[in-house]
């Protein structure tokens, strides 16, 4: 029997000692359909994580009582948090800073200031991978793309198997090519092998247009 009960989107814990930053992000997350909690200290973050077990944690590194890296290490040891998506948020973006975040248990390191649209995209990608949102297909991209991806960024993503898996994109059997106004998809269909064309037309700058030859995914 198919369960038609709507699934709840991932709960998000925003940890930042700047209350304006955390409250603004919580407001946006709630507007996007997520439950959201905020914490200004590492201890408060751990207490909220123990109570709510958020699926996603946006974790500032510079906190007043302990570092965000220490918070991440503690989170990974807590029941129900081993598989949480931990995102380090820091003003430092050197390779060494990113390496320390990964070592502490974060899957991603973002450098401040962070574009809220990037956060929304990450949350969508997480929920799609978790089955909370339907997978994106070329048809869906062509008919319902809301501008979150530039054409160049999408081509970069579909070229990488790991990114395709994370995004839930099912593009098996499709060919694509860059065109001046976006990306065109084609797929073999029917007994005769004729190709069905779906065009995704999003304006992109001239320097983003690649002479990429058609590729089969």
N, C-alpha and C. Protein backbone atom coordinates (compact mmCIF):
# COMPACT_ATOMS: atom_id res chain seq x y z
N UNK A 1 0.84 -1.19 0.00
CA UNK A 1 0.00 0.00 0.00
C UNK A 1 0.87 1.24 0.00
N UNK A 2 0.58 2.17 -0.89
CA UNK A 2 1.40 3.38 -1.00
C UNK A 2 1.01 4.37 0.08
N UNK A 3 2.02 4.91 0.76
CA UNK A 3 1.78 5.89 1.81
C UNK A 3 1.76 7.28 1.21
N UNK A 4 0.58 7.91 1.20
CA UNK A 4 0.45 9.25 0.66
C UNK A 4 0.59 10.33 1.71
N UNK A 5 0.93 9.94 2.93
CA UNK A 5 1.09 10.93 4.00
C UNK A 5 2.27 11.84 3.68
N UNK A 6 2.07 13.16 3.67
CA UNK A 6 3.18 14.06 3.37
C UNK A 6 4.32 13.88 4.36
N UNK A 7 5.54 13.82 3.86
CA UNK A 7 6.70 13.70 4.72
C UNK A 7 7.15 15.08 5.17
N UNK A 8 7.65 15.16 6.39
CA UNK A 8 8.14 16.42 6.91
C UNK A 8 9.56 16.65 6.41
N UNK A 9 9.83 17.87 5.98
CA UNK A 9 11.17 18.19 5.54
C UNK A 9 12.13 18.21 6.72
N UNK A 10 13.41 18.16 6.40
CA UNK A 10 14.43 18.02 7.43
C UNK A 10 14.38 19.15 8.45
N UNK A 11 14.59 18.78 9.71
CA UNK A 11 14.75 19.78 10.75
C UNK A 11 16.14 20.38 10.68
N UNK A 12 16.25 21.69 10.90
CA UNK A 12 17.52 22.40 10.74
C UNK A 12 17.88 23.12 12.05
N UNK A 13 19.09 22.88 12.52
CA UNK A 13 19.62 23.59 13.68
C UNK A 13 20.64 24.60 13.20
N UNK A 14 20.40 25.89 13.51
CA UNK A 14 21.32 26.96 13.11
C UNK A 14 22.08 27.41 14.35
N UNK A 15 23.39 27.25 14.32
CA UNK A 15 24.24 27.57 15.47
C UNK A 15 25.11 28.76 15.10
N UNK A 16 24.84 29.91 15.73
CA UNK A 16 25.62 31.12 15.43
C UNK A 16 25.43 32.08 16.60
N UNK A 17 26.53 32.67 17.07
CA UNK A 17 26.41 33.59 18.20
C UNK A 17 25.88 34.96 17.78
N UNK A 18 25.76 35.20 16.48
CA UNK A 18 25.08 36.41 15.99
C UNK A 18 23.60 36.08 15.86
N UNK A 19 22.80 36.58 16.77
CA UNK A 19 21.38 36.21 16.81
C UNK A 19 20.61 36.70 15.58
N UNK A 20 21.04 37.83 15.03
CA UNK A 20 20.38 38.32 13.82
C UNK A 20 20.57 37.32 12.68
N UNK A 21 21.78 36.78 12.58
CA UNK A 21 22.07 35.80 11.53
C UNK A 21 21.27 34.53 11.72
N UNK A 22 21.27 34.00 12.93
CA UNK A 22 20.58 32.73 13.17
C UNK A 22 19.06 32.88 13.05
N UNK A 23 18.52 33.98 13.57
CA UNK A 23 17.06 34.15 13.50
C UNK A 23 16.60 34.37 12.07
N UNK A 24 17.40 35.09 11.27
CA UNK A 24 17.03 35.31 9.87
C UNK A 24 17.05 33.99 9.10
N UNK A 25 18.08 33.17 9.35
CA UNK A 25 18.16 31.89 8.64
C UNK A 25 17.04 30.96 9.10
N UNK A 26 16.71 31.00 10.39
CA UNK A 26 15.61 30.17 10.88
C UNK A 26 14.30 30.58 10.23
N UNK A 27 14.10 31.87 10.09
CA UNK A 27 12.88 32.37 9.44
C UNK A 27 12.79 31.85 8.00
N UNK A 28 13.91 31.93 7.27
CA UNK A 28 13.92 31.45 5.90
C UNK A 28 13.67 29.95 5.84
N UNK A 29 14.35 29.20 6.70
CA UNK A 29 14.18 27.74 6.71
C UNK A 29 12.73 27.35 6.96
N UNK A 30 12.09 28.05 7.88
CA UNK A 30 10.68 27.77 8.16
C UNK A 30 9.80 28.14 6.97
N UNK A 31 10.14 29.23 6.30
CA UNK A 31 9.38 29.63 5.11
C UNK A 31 9.52 28.59 4.00
N UNK A 32 10.66 27.88 3.97
CA UNK A 32 10.89 26.84 2.97
C UNK A 32 10.29 25.51 3.37
N UNK A 33 9.64 25.43 4.53
CA UNK A 33 8.97 24.21 4.94
C UNK A 33 9.70 23.36 5.95
N UNK A 34 10.77 23.88 6.55
CA UNK A 34 11.56 23.12 7.51
C UNK A 34 11.25 23.56 8.94
N UNK A 35 11.39 22.64 9.87
CA UNK A 35 11.43 23.01 11.27
C UNK A 35 12.82 23.58 11.55
N UNK A 36 12.92 24.59 12.40
CA UNK A 36 14.21 25.22 12.63
C UNK A 36 14.36 25.61 14.09
N UNK A 37 15.60 25.45 14.58
CA UNK A 37 15.95 25.85 15.95
C UNK A 37 17.25 26.65 15.88
N UNK A 38 17.45 27.54 16.82
CA UNK A 38 18.67 28.34 16.85
C UNK A 38 19.38 28.19 18.18
N UNK A 39 20.70 28.30 18.13
CA UNK A 39 21.51 28.25 19.34
C UNK A 39 22.66 29.23 19.18
N UNK A 40 23.00 29.94 20.27
CA UNK A 40 24.08 30.93 20.24
C UNK A 40 25.37 30.41 20.85
N UNK A 41 25.31 29.23 21.48
CA UNK A 41 26.50 28.64 22.10
C UNK A 41 26.58 27.16 21.75
N UNK A 42 27.76 26.60 21.95
CA UNK A 42 27.92 25.18 21.68
C UNK A 42 27.09 24.32 22.61
N UNK A 43 27.05 24.68 23.90
CA UNK A 43 26.27 23.89 24.86
C UNK A 43 24.79 23.90 24.52
N UNK A 44 24.28 25.07 24.13
CA UNK A 44 22.87 25.15 23.75
C UNK A 44 22.60 24.32 22.50
N UNK A 45 23.56 24.31 21.56
CA UNK A 45 23.40 23.52 20.35
C UNK A 45 23.31 22.03 20.67
N UNK A 46 24.18 21.56 21.56
CA UNK A 46 24.17 20.14 21.92
C UNK A 46 22.87 19.76 22.63
N UNK A 47 22.36 20.66 23.47
CA UNK A 47 21.10 20.38 24.17
C UNK A 47 19.95 20.30 23.18
N UNK A 48 19.90 21.21 22.22
CA UNK A 48 18.83 21.19 21.22
C UNK A 48 18.94 19.97 20.31
N UNK A 49 20.17 19.61 19.97
CA UNK A 49 20.38 18.43 19.13
C UNK A 49 19.91 17.16 19.84
N UNK A 50 20.18 17.07 21.13
CA UNK A 50 19.74 15.90 21.89
C UNK A 50 18.22 15.83 21.96
N UNK A 51 17.58 16.98 22.01
CA UNK A 51 16.12 17.01 22.12
C UNK A 51 15.42 16.78 20.79
N UNK A 52 15.93 17.40 19.73
CA UNK A 52 15.20 17.39 18.45
C UNK A 52 15.84 16.53 17.38
N UNK A 53 17.11 16.19 17.51
CA UNK A 53 17.82 15.39 16.52
C UNK A 53 17.65 15.96 15.10
N UNK A 54 18.11 17.17 14.87
CA UNK A 54 17.96 17.77 13.54
C UNK A 54 18.72 16.98 12.48
N UNK A 55 18.19 16.97 11.28
CA UNK A 55 18.84 16.27 10.18
C UNK A 55 19.97 17.09 9.58
N UNK A 56 19.89 18.42 9.73
CA UNK A 56 20.89 19.33 9.17
C UNK A 56 21.32 20.30 10.26
N UNK A 57 22.62 20.55 10.37
CA UNK A 57 23.15 21.52 11.32
C UNK A 57 24.04 22.50 10.58
N UNK A 58 23.70 23.78 10.64
CA UNK A 58 24.54 24.85 10.10
C UNK A 58 25.34 25.39 11.28
N UNK A 59 26.64 25.17 11.25
CA UNK A 59 27.45 25.31 12.45
C UNK A 59 28.54 26.36 12.31
N UNK A 60 28.34 27.49 12.98
CA UNK A 60 29.37 28.52 13.03
C UNK A 60 30.58 27.95 13.78
N UNK A 61 31.77 28.32 13.35
CA UNK A 61 32.98 27.79 13.98
C UNK A 61 33.37 28.61 15.21
N UNK A 62 33.24 29.92 15.12
CA UNK A 62 33.64 30.77 16.24
C UNK A 62 32.51 31.02 17.21
N UNK A 63 32.42 30.18 18.24
CA UNK A 63 31.37 30.30 19.25
C UNK A 63 32.00 30.75 20.57
N UNK A 64 31.21 31.37 21.47
CA UNK A 64 31.81 31.94 22.69
C UNK A 64 32.29 30.93 23.72
N UNK A 65 31.72 29.72 23.74
CA UNK A 65 32.08 28.77 24.79
C UNK A 65 32.93 27.60 24.33
N UNK A 66 32.82 27.24 23.07
CA UNK A 66 33.60 26.15 22.50
C UNK A 66 33.61 26.33 20.99
N UNK A 67 34.54 25.72 20.32
CA UNK A 67 34.58 25.89 18.86
C UNK A 67 33.50 25.04 18.20
N UNK A 68 33.11 25.47 17.02
CA UNK A 68 32.15 24.69 16.26
C UNK A 68 32.69 23.32 15.90
N UNK A 69 34.01 23.21 15.77
CA UNK A 69 34.62 21.92 15.48
C UNK A 69 34.42 20.96 16.64
N UNK A 70 34.54 21.46 17.87
CA UNK A 70 34.29 20.61 19.03
C UNK A 70 32.81 20.21 19.10
N UNK A 71 31.95 21.15 18.74
CA UNK A 71 30.52 20.83 18.71
C UNK A 71 30.26 19.70 17.72
N UNK A 72 30.87 19.80 16.54
CA UNK A 72 30.69 18.76 15.52
C UNK A 72 31.14 17.39 16.03
N UNK A 73 32.27 17.35 16.71
CA UNK A 73 32.77 16.08 17.24
C UNK A 73 31.80 15.49 18.26
N UNK A 74 31.24 16.35 19.13
CA UNK A 74 30.27 15.87 20.11
C UNK A 74 28.99 15.40 19.43
N UNK A 75 28.55 16.13 18.40
CA UNK A 75 27.32 15.75 17.70
C UNK A 75 27.44 14.36 17.10
N UNK A 76 28.60 14.06 16.55
CA UNK A 76 28.78 12.75 15.90
C UNK A 76 28.70 11.60 16.90
N UNK A 77 28.90 11.88 18.18
CA UNK A 77 28.84 10.84 19.20
C UNK A 77 27.45 10.72 19.83
N UNK A 78 26.54 11.61 19.47
CA UNK A 78 25.22 11.61 20.09
C UNK A 78 24.27 10.65 19.39
N UNK A 79 23.38 10.00 20.13
CA UNK A 79 22.39 9.12 19.50
C UNK A 79 21.55 9.88 18.48
N UNK A 80 21.39 9.28 17.31
CA UNK A 80 20.56 9.87 16.28
C UNK A 80 21.23 10.96 15.46
N UNK A 81 22.50 11.25 15.74
CA UNK A 81 23.17 12.33 15.02
C UNK A 81 24.33 11.85 14.15
N UNK A 82 24.57 10.57 14.13
CA UNK A 82 25.72 10.04 13.38
C UNK A 82 25.60 10.35 11.89
N UNK A 83 24.37 10.38 11.36
CA UNK A 83 24.18 10.60 9.93
C UNK A 83 23.66 11.99 9.59
N UNK A 84 23.68 12.89 10.57
CA UNK A 84 23.22 14.25 10.31
C UNK A 84 24.15 14.93 9.30
N UNK A 85 23.60 15.87 8.55
CA UNK A 85 24.37 16.63 7.58
C UNK A 85 24.91 17.87 8.28
N UNK A 86 26.20 17.87 8.60
CA UNK A 86 26.83 18.97 9.33
C UNK A 86 27.54 19.89 8.36
N UNK A 87 27.19 21.16 8.40
CA UNK A 87 27.77 22.15 7.50
C UNK A 87 28.50 23.19 8.34
N UNK A 88 29.81 23.25 8.23
CA UNK A 88 30.59 24.26 8.93
C UNK A 88 30.44 25.60 8.21
N UNK A 89 30.26 26.66 8.99
CA UNK A 89 30.13 28.01 8.44
C UNK A 89 31.18 28.88 9.11
N UNK A 90 32.08 29.44 8.32
CA UNK A 90 33.22 30.13 8.92
C UNK A 90 33.66 31.31 8.05
N UNK A 91 34.34 32.25 8.69
CA UNK A 91 34.94 33.34 7.93
C UNK A 91 36.26 32.95 7.32
N UNK A 92 36.76 31.78 7.64
CA UNK A 92 38.03 31.29 7.13
C UNK A 92 37.79 30.22 6.08
N UNK A 93 38.46 30.37 4.93
CA UNK A 93 38.20 29.45 3.83
C UNK A 93 39.42 28.80 3.24
N UNK A 94 40.55 28.80 3.97
CA UNK A 94 41.75 28.14 3.47
C UNK A 94 41.56 26.63 3.45
N UNK A 95 42.37 25.96 2.66
CA UNK A 95 42.28 24.51 2.57
C UNK A 95 42.46 23.87 3.93
N UNK A 96 43.34 24.43 4.75
CA UNK A 96 43.55 23.88 6.10
C UNK A 96 42.30 24.03 6.96
N UNK A 97 41.59 25.14 6.81
CA UNK A 97 40.35 25.33 7.57
C UNK A 97 39.30 24.30 7.15
N UNK A 98 39.18 24.07 5.86
CA UNK A 98 38.23 23.09 5.37
C UNK A 98 38.60 21.69 5.83
N UNK A 99 39.89 21.39 5.82
CA UNK A 99 40.34 20.07 6.26
C UNK A 99 40.01 19.83 7.73
N UNK A 100 40.17 20.87 8.57
CA UNK A 100 39.84 20.72 9.99
C UNK A 100 38.34 20.48 10.18
N UNK A 101 37.52 21.12 9.36
CA UNK A 101 36.08 20.91 9.45
C UNK A 101 35.71 19.47 9.10
N UNK A 102 36.31 18.97 8.03
CA UNK A 102 36.04 17.59 7.62
C UNK A 102 36.51 16.62 8.69
N UNK A 103 37.68 16.88 9.25
CA UNK A 103 38.22 16.01 10.30
C UNK A 103 37.30 15.98 11.53
N UNK A 104 36.63 17.10 11.80
CA UNK A 104 35.74 17.17 12.95
C UNK A 104 34.39 16.49 12.70
N UNK A 105 34.12 16.17 11.43
CA UNK A 105 32.87 15.46 11.13
C UNK A 105 31.91 16.22 10.25
N UNK A 106 32.31 17.37 9.73
CA UNK A 106 31.44 18.14 8.84
C UNK A 106 31.61 17.64 7.40
N UNK A 107 30.49 17.58 6.67
CA UNK A 107 30.57 17.18 5.27
C UNK A 107 30.86 18.34 4.34
N UNK A 108 30.64 19.55 4.81
CA UNK A 108 30.77 20.72 3.94
C UNK A 108 31.27 21.90 4.76
N UNK A 109 32.08 22.75 4.13
CA UNK A 109 32.61 23.95 4.78
C UNK A 109 32.24 25.14 3.91
N UNK A 110 31.41 26.05 4.43
CA UNK A 110 31.02 27.25 3.71
C UNK A 110 31.71 28.46 4.32
N UNK A 111 32.06 29.41 3.46
CA UNK A 111 32.75 30.62 3.91
C UNK A 111 31.76 31.78 3.96
N UNK A 112 31.75 32.48 5.09
CA UNK A 112 30.88 33.64 5.25
C UNK A 112 31.35 34.78 4.34
N UNK A 113 30.41 35.61 3.86
CA UNK A 113 28.95 35.49 4.02
C UNK A 113 28.40 34.44 3.07
N UNK A 114 27.38 33.72 3.52
CA UNK A 114 26.80 32.62 2.75
C UNK A 114 25.50 33.09 2.10
N UNK A 115 25.37 32.85 0.82
CA UNK A 115 24.16 33.22 0.10
C UNK A 115 23.00 32.34 0.59
N UNK A 116 21.90 32.93 1.07
CA UNK A 116 20.76 32.11 1.53
C UNK A 116 20.24 31.15 0.47
N UNK A 117 20.37 31.54 -0.82
CA UNK A 117 19.90 30.65 -1.87
C UNK A 117 20.72 29.37 -1.93
N UNK A 118 22.01 29.48 -1.59
CA UNK A 118 22.84 28.28 -1.52
C UNK A 118 22.35 27.37 -0.40
N UNK A 119 21.99 27.95 0.74
CA UNK A 119 21.46 27.15 1.85
C UNK A 119 20.17 26.47 1.43
N UNK A 120 19.32 27.19 0.76
CA UNK A 120 18.06 26.57 0.30
C UNK A 120 18.34 25.40 -0.63
N UNK A 121 19.29 25.59 -1.53
CA UNK A 121 19.62 24.52 -2.47
C UNK A 121 20.18 23.31 -1.74
N UNK A 122 21.03 23.54 -0.75
CA UNK A 122 21.58 22.43 0.02
C UNK A 122 20.48 21.68 0.76
N UNK A 123 19.54 22.40 1.34
CA UNK A 123 18.44 21.76 2.05
C UNK A 123 17.59 20.95 1.08
N UNK A 124 17.33 21.51 -0.09
CA UNK A 124 16.57 20.77 -1.09
C UNK A 124 17.29 19.50 -1.52
N UNK A 125 18.61 19.63 -1.72
CA UNK A 125 19.39 18.46 -2.13
C UNK A 125 19.37 17.38 -1.05
N UNK A 126 19.49 17.81 0.20
CA UNK A 126 19.44 16.85 1.30
C UNK A 126 18.09 16.15 1.33
N UNK A 127 17.01 16.90 1.23
CA UNK A 127 15.68 16.31 1.31
C UNK A 127 15.38 15.42 0.11
N UNK A 128 15.92 15.79 -1.04
CA UNK A 128 15.72 14.95 -2.22
C UNK A 128 16.46 13.63 -2.05
N UNK A 129 17.67 13.69 -1.55
CA UNK A 129 18.45 12.46 -1.33
C UNK A 129 17.80 11.58 -0.27
N UNK A 130 17.12 12.20 0.70
CA UNK A 130 16.46 11.45 1.77
C UNK A 130 15.07 10.96 1.38
N UNK A 131 14.64 11.26 0.16
CA UNK A 131 13.33 10.83 -0.29
C UNK A 131 12.19 11.72 0.20
N UNK A 132 12.53 12.89 0.75
CA UNK A 132 11.50 13.80 1.23
C UNK A 132 10.98 14.70 0.12
N UNK A 133 11.72 14.78 -0.97
CA UNK A 133 11.29 15.50 -2.15
C UNK A 133 11.44 14.56 -3.34
N UNK A 134 10.60 14.70 -4.36
CA UNK A 134 10.71 13.81 -5.53
C UNK A 134 12.02 14.06 -6.27
N UNK A 135 12.57 13.04 -6.92
CA UNK A 135 13.81 13.22 -7.67
C UNK A 135 13.60 14.17 -8.84
N UNK A 136 14.66 14.89 -9.19
CA UNK A 136 14.62 15.75 -10.36
C UNK A 136 14.98 14.93 -11.59
N UNK A 137 14.24 15.12 -12.64
CA UNK A 137 14.53 14.50 -13.93
C UNK A 137 14.69 15.62 -14.95
N UNK A 138 15.25 15.34 -16.12
CA UNK A 138 15.31 16.40 -17.14
C UNK A 138 13.95 16.99 -17.47
N UNK A 139 12.89 16.15 -17.45
CA UNK A 139 11.56 16.69 -17.71
C UNK A 139 11.17 17.71 -16.65
N UNK A 140 11.45 17.34 -15.39
CA UNK A 140 11.10 18.25 -14.30
C UNK A 140 11.92 19.53 -14.38
N UNK A 141 13.18 19.39 -14.75
CA UNK A 141 14.01 20.58 -14.88
C UNK A 141 13.48 21.49 -15.98
N UNK A 142 13.02 20.89 -17.06
CA UNK A 142 12.54 21.69 -18.18
C UNK A 142 11.23 22.39 -17.85
N UNK A 143 10.38 21.73 -17.05
CA UNK A 143 9.05 22.28 -16.82
C UNK A 143 8.91 23.06 -15.54
N UNK A 144 9.77 22.81 -14.55
CA UNK A 144 9.53 23.40 -13.23
C UNK A 144 10.77 23.97 -12.57
N UNK A 145 11.82 24.20 -13.34
CA UNK A 145 13.03 24.74 -12.73
C UNK A 145 12.74 26.14 -12.21
N UNK A 146 13.15 26.42 -10.99
CA UNK A 146 12.81 27.71 -10.40
C UNK A 146 13.99 28.66 -10.31
N UNK A 147 15.04 28.40 -11.08
CA UNK A 147 16.15 29.33 -11.12
C UNK A 147 17.22 29.10 -10.08
N UNK A 148 17.12 28.00 -9.31
CA UNK A 148 18.12 27.76 -8.28
C UNK A 148 19.48 27.41 -8.89
N UNK A 149 19.47 26.83 -10.07
CA UNK A 149 20.72 26.42 -10.71
C UNK A 149 20.96 27.25 -11.96
N UNK A 150 22.19 27.65 -12.16
CA UNK A 150 22.54 28.19 -13.47
C UNK A 150 22.79 27.00 -14.39
N UNK A 151 22.72 27.24 -15.67
CA UNK A 151 22.96 26.15 -16.61
C UNK A 151 24.35 25.58 -16.43
N UNK A 152 25.34 26.46 -16.26
CA UNK A 152 26.72 25.98 -16.11
C UNK A 152 26.86 25.14 -14.85
N UNK A 153 26.21 25.56 -13.75
CA UNK A 153 26.31 24.80 -12.51
C UNK A 153 25.64 23.45 -12.65
N UNK A 154 24.53 23.38 -13.38
CA UNK A 154 23.86 22.11 -13.52
C UNK A 154 24.68 21.14 -14.36
N UNK A 155 25.28 21.64 -15.44
CA UNK A 155 26.13 20.78 -16.26
C UNK A 155 27.28 20.23 -15.43
N UNK A 156 27.87 21.09 -14.61
CA UNK A 156 28.95 20.64 -13.74
C UNK A 156 28.47 19.54 -12.80
N UNK A 157 27.24 19.68 -12.29
CA UNK A 157 26.71 18.70 -11.36
C UNK A 157 26.40 17.37 -12.05
N UNK A 158 25.78 17.43 -13.24
CA UNK A 158 25.40 16.17 -13.88
C UNK A 158 26.60 15.45 -14.46
N UNK A 159 27.73 16.14 -14.58
CA UNK A 159 28.95 15.46 -15.03
C UNK A 159 29.57 14.62 -13.92
N UNK A 160 29.15 14.84 -12.69
CA UNK A 160 29.75 14.15 -11.55
C UNK A 160 28.76 13.15 -10.97
N UNK A 161 29.13 11.87 -10.95
CA UNK A 161 28.21 10.83 -10.48
C UNK A 161 27.79 11.05 -9.04
N UNK A 162 28.73 11.49 -8.19
CA UNK A 162 28.39 11.73 -6.80
C UNK A 162 27.36 12.83 -6.65
N UNK A 163 27.51 13.90 -7.43
CA UNK A 163 26.54 14.99 -7.39
C UNK A 163 25.18 14.53 -7.89
N UNK A 164 25.17 13.73 -8.94
CA UNK A 164 23.89 13.23 -9.46
C UNK A 164 23.18 12.41 -8.40
N UNK A 165 23.93 11.60 -7.68
CA UNK A 165 23.33 10.78 -6.64
C UNK A 165 22.77 11.64 -5.52
N UNK A 166 23.55 12.64 -5.10
CA UNK A 166 23.11 13.53 -4.03
C UNK A 166 21.86 14.29 -4.42
N UNK A 167 21.81 14.75 -5.67
CA UNK A 167 20.67 15.54 -6.13
C UNK A 167 19.47 14.69 -6.49
N UNK A 168 19.67 13.38 -6.64
CA UNK A 168 18.56 12.53 -7.03
C UNK A 168 18.20 12.66 -8.49
N UNK A 169 19.15 13.08 -9.32
CA UNK A 169 18.86 13.27 -10.74
C UNK A 169 18.96 11.93 -11.48
N UNK A 170 17.90 11.55 -12.13
CA UNK A 170 17.89 10.34 -12.93
C UNK A 170 18.02 10.75 -14.40
N UNK A 171 19.23 10.70 -14.91
CA UNK A 171 19.48 11.13 -16.29
C UNK A 171 20.05 9.99 -17.12
N UNK A 172 19.81 8.76 -16.69
CA UNK A 172 20.32 7.60 -17.41
C UNK A 172 19.77 7.58 -18.84
N UNK A 173 20.66 7.43 -19.81
CA UNK A 173 20.23 7.33 -21.19
C UNK A 173 20.03 8.66 -21.89
N UNK A 174 20.19 9.75 -21.16
CA UNK A 174 20.02 11.06 -21.79
C UNK A 174 21.34 11.56 -22.35
N UNK A 175 21.25 12.37 -23.41
CA UNK A 175 22.39 13.14 -23.91
C UNK A 175 22.09 14.60 -23.67
N UNK A 176 23.11 15.38 -23.44
CA UNK A 176 22.89 16.81 -23.28
C UNK A 176 23.97 17.58 -24.02
N UNK A 177 23.66 18.80 -24.32
CA UNK A 177 24.65 19.69 -24.91
C UNK A 177 24.34 21.12 -24.48
N UNK A 178 25.38 21.91 -24.31
CA UNK A 178 25.20 23.30 -23.99
C UNK A 178 24.74 24.05 -25.23
N UNK A 179 23.80 24.94 -25.07
CA UNK A 179 23.38 25.83 -26.14
C UNK A 179 23.46 27.25 -25.59
N UNK A 180 23.45 28.26 -26.44
CA UNK A 180 23.68 29.62 -25.93
C UNK A 180 22.72 30.08 -24.86
N UNK A 181 21.55 29.47 -24.79
CA UNK A 181 20.58 29.94 -23.80
C UNK A 181 20.28 28.91 -22.72
N UNK A 182 21.07 27.87 -22.63
CA UNK A 182 20.83 26.91 -21.56
C UNK A 182 21.39 25.54 -21.88
N UNK A 183 20.62 24.52 -21.60
CA UNK A 183 21.03 23.13 -21.82
C UNK A 183 19.91 22.41 -22.55
N UNK A 184 20.26 21.63 -23.56
CA UNK A 184 19.27 20.83 -24.29
C UNK A 184 19.50 19.37 -23.98
N UNK A 185 18.43 18.65 -23.65
CA UNK A 185 18.50 17.22 -23.37
C UNK A 185 17.83 16.44 -24.49
N UNK A 186 18.38 15.27 -24.80
CA UNK A 186 17.74 14.37 -25.75
C UNK A 186 17.83 12.96 -25.19
N UNK A 187 16.83 12.17 -25.49
CA UNK A 187 16.84 10.78 -25.02
C UNK A 187 16.23 9.89 -26.08
N UNK A 188 16.82 8.70 -26.28
CA UNK A 188 16.25 7.72 -27.21
C UNK A 188 14.93 7.21 -26.64
N UNK A 189 13.93 7.13 -27.48
CA UNK A 189 12.61 6.68 -27.03
C UNK A 189 11.93 5.90 -28.15
N UNK A 190 11.21 4.85 -27.77
CA UNK A 190 10.46 4.08 -28.74
C UNK A 190 11.30 3.02 -29.41
N UNK A 191 10.61 2.09 -30.09
CA UNK A 191 11.29 0.96 -30.71
C UNK A 191 12.24 1.42 -31.81
N UNK A 192 11.90 2.53 -32.46
CA UNK A 192 12.73 3.00 -33.56
C UNK A 192 13.96 3.76 -33.10
N UNK A 193 14.05 3.99 -31.80
CA UNK A 193 15.22 4.68 -31.27
C UNK A 193 15.23 6.17 -31.55
N UNK A 194 14.07 6.72 -31.93
CA UNK A 194 14.05 8.15 -32.18
C UNK A 194 14.30 8.91 -30.88
N UNK A 195 14.82 10.10 -31.00
CA UNK A 195 15.18 10.87 -29.82
C UNK A 195 14.08 11.85 -29.44
N UNK A 196 13.78 11.88 -28.16
CA UNK A 196 12.85 12.86 -27.62
C UNK A 196 13.67 14.03 -27.09
N UNK A 197 13.27 15.22 -27.43
CA UNK A 197 14.04 16.39 -27.01
C UNK A 197 13.31 17.16 -25.92
N UNK A 198 14.04 17.49 -24.89
CA UNK A 198 13.55 18.39 -23.85
C UNK A 198 14.55 19.51 -23.72
N UNK A 199 14.12 20.74 -23.87
CA UNK A 199 15.03 21.86 -23.80
C UNK A 199 14.83 22.61 -22.49
N UNK A 200 15.92 22.85 -21.80
CA UNK A 200 15.90 23.64 -20.59
C UNK A 200 16.51 24.97 -20.96
N UNK A 201 15.74 26.02 -20.97
CA UNK A 201 16.21 27.29 -21.48
C UNK A 201 16.28 28.32 -20.36
N UNK A 202 17.46 28.47 -19.80
CA UNK A 202 17.72 29.46 -18.77
C UNK A 202 18.83 30.36 -19.29
N UNK A 203 18.61 31.67 -19.35
CA UNK A 203 19.66 32.56 -19.87
C UNK A 203 20.93 32.45 -19.03
N UNK A 204 22.06 32.36 -19.68
CA UNK A 204 23.34 32.33 -18.99
C UNK A 204 24.29 33.28 -19.70
N UNK A 205 25.31 33.71 -19.00
CA UNK A 205 26.25 34.65 -19.59
C UNK A 205 27.11 33.96 -20.63
N UNK A 206 27.63 34.75 -21.55
CA UNK A 206 28.41 34.18 -22.65
C UNK A 206 29.62 33.41 -22.16
N UNK A 207 30.26 33.89 -21.07
CA UNK A 207 31.46 33.21 -20.60
C UNK A 207 31.15 31.88 -19.93
N UNK A 208 29.85 31.60 -19.66
CA UNK A 208 29.47 30.33 -19.06
C UNK A 208 29.16 29.28 -20.11
N UNK A 209 29.02 29.71 -21.37
CA UNK A 209 28.69 28.77 -22.44
C UNK A 209 29.93 28.00 -22.84
N UNK A 210 29.79 26.70 -22.85
CA UNK A 210 30.92 25.84 -23.17
C UNK A 210 30.71 25.22 -24.54
N UNK A 211 31.79 24.85 -25.18
CA UNK A 211 31.71 24.15 -26.46
C UNK A 211 31.66 22.65 -26.23
N UNK A 212 31.12 22.27 -25.07
CA UNK A 212 31.06 20.87 -24.67
C UNK A 212 30.34 20.05 -25.74
N UNK A 213 30.92 18.94 -26.18
CA UNK A 213 30.21 18.09 -27.14
C UNK A 213 29.09 17.34 -26.43
N UNK A 214 28.11 16.84 -27.18
CA UNK A 214 27.04 16.06 -26.55
C UNK A 214 27.63 14.92 -25.72
N UNK A 215 27.05 14.66 -24.58
CA UNK A 215 27.54 13.63 -23.69
C UNK A 215 26.41 12.68 -23.34
N UNK A 216 26.72 11.41 -23.25
CA UNK A 216 25.72 10.43 -22.84
C UNK A 216 25.94 10.10 -21.36
N UNK A 217 24.86 10.22 -20.58
CA UNK A 217 24.97 10.02 -19.14
C UNK A 217 24.59 8.60 -18.75
